[in-house]
Amino acid sequence: MIEETLREQLEEKERIQVELENEIMSLRRKLQREDVKQNFDKRTKILNQIISSQIPIHDKSEIG
């Protein structure tokens, strides 16, 4: 009786552990995707700033 109860408790703990490990892996993947998205957004913003600050090719006002 006691052994069976302990075995059930152990199985429940193992089940919970597996669920938590799965949740951790899921959250890590989500965090990686968010990091990639943030890096992409940051780089896109920088690129857009560079592009918007360029002088048009036909603008000769600075020459001579």
Protein backbone atom coordinates (compact mmCIF):
# COMPACT_ATOMS: atom_id res chain seq x y z
CA MET A 1 0.00 0.00 0.00
CA ILE A 2 2.68 2.53 0.97
CA GLU A 3 4.88 1.43 -1.93
CA GLU A 4 2.04 1.89 -4.37
CA THR A 5 1.28 5.37 -3.03
CA LEU A 6 4.94 6.34 -3.26
CA ARG A 7 5.16 4.96 -6.77
CA GLU A 8 2.11 6.99 -7.82
CA GLN A 9 3.59 10.12 -6.28
CA LEU A 10 6.87 9.50 -8.08
CA GLU A 11 5.09 9.01 -11.40
CA GLU A 12 3.14 12.22 -10.86
CA LYS A 13 6.34 14.12 -10.09
CA GLU A 14 7.98 12.71 -13.22
CA ARG A 15 4.95 13.69 -15.32
CA ILE A 16 5.08 17.22 -13.93
CA GLN A 17 8.82 17.38 -14.60
CA VAL A 18 8.32 16.39 -18.23
CA GLU A 19 5.58 18.99 -18.65
CA LEU A 20 7.79 21.69 -17.14
CA GLU A 21 10.74 20.71 -19.34
CA ASN A 22 8.47 20.94 -22.40
CA GLU A 23 7.25 24.34 -21.30
CA ILE A 24 10.83 25.53 -20.80
CA MET A 25 11.78 24.40 -24.29
CA SER A 26 8.73 26.10 -25.76
CA LEU A 27 9.53 29.34 -23.96
CA ARG A 28 13.15 29.21 -25.10
CA ARG A 29 12.07 28.84 -28.73
CA LYS A 30 9.62 31.70 -28.33
CA LEU A 31 12.30 33.88 -26.75
CA GLN A 32 14.70 33.10 -29.61
CA ARG A 33 12.06 34.07 -32.16
CA GLU A 34 11.41 37.33 -30.27
CA ASP A 35 15.16 38.08 -30.15
CA VAL A 36 15.45 37.48 -33.88
CA LYS A 37 12.43 39.69 -34.53
CA GLN A 38 13.78 42.48 -32.32
CA ASN A 39 17.19 42.32 -34.01
CA PHE A 40 15.54 42.41 -37.42
CA ASP A 41 13.37 45.39 -36.43
CA LYS A 42 16.40 47.22 -35.02
CA ARG A 43 18.47 46.62 -38.15
CA THR A 44 15.58 47.59 -40.40
CA LYS A 45 15.18 50.86 -38.50
CA ILE A 46 18.91 51.62 -38.85
CA LEU A 47 18.84 50.80 -42.56
CA ASN A 48 15.81 53.03 -43.08
CA GLN A 49 17.59 55.88 -41.28
CA ILE A 50 20.63 55.46 -43.53
CA ILE A 51 18.51 55.36 -46.67
CA SER A 52 16.45 58.40 -45.66
CA SER A 53 19.58 60.46 -44.90
CA GLN A 54 21.17 59.91 -48.32
CA ILE A 55 21.33 62.74 -50.82
CA PRO A 56 19.74 62.08 -54.21
CA ILE A 57 22.18 61.41 -57.07
CA HIS A 58 21.01 64.41 -59.12
CA ASP A 59 21.37 66.89 -56.23
CA LYS A 60 24.46 68.94 -57.21
CA SER A 61 23.96 71.72 -54.63
CA GLU A 62 27.00 70.70 -52.57
CA ILE A 63 29.40 70.65 -55.55
CA GLY A 64 31.79 73.54 -56.23
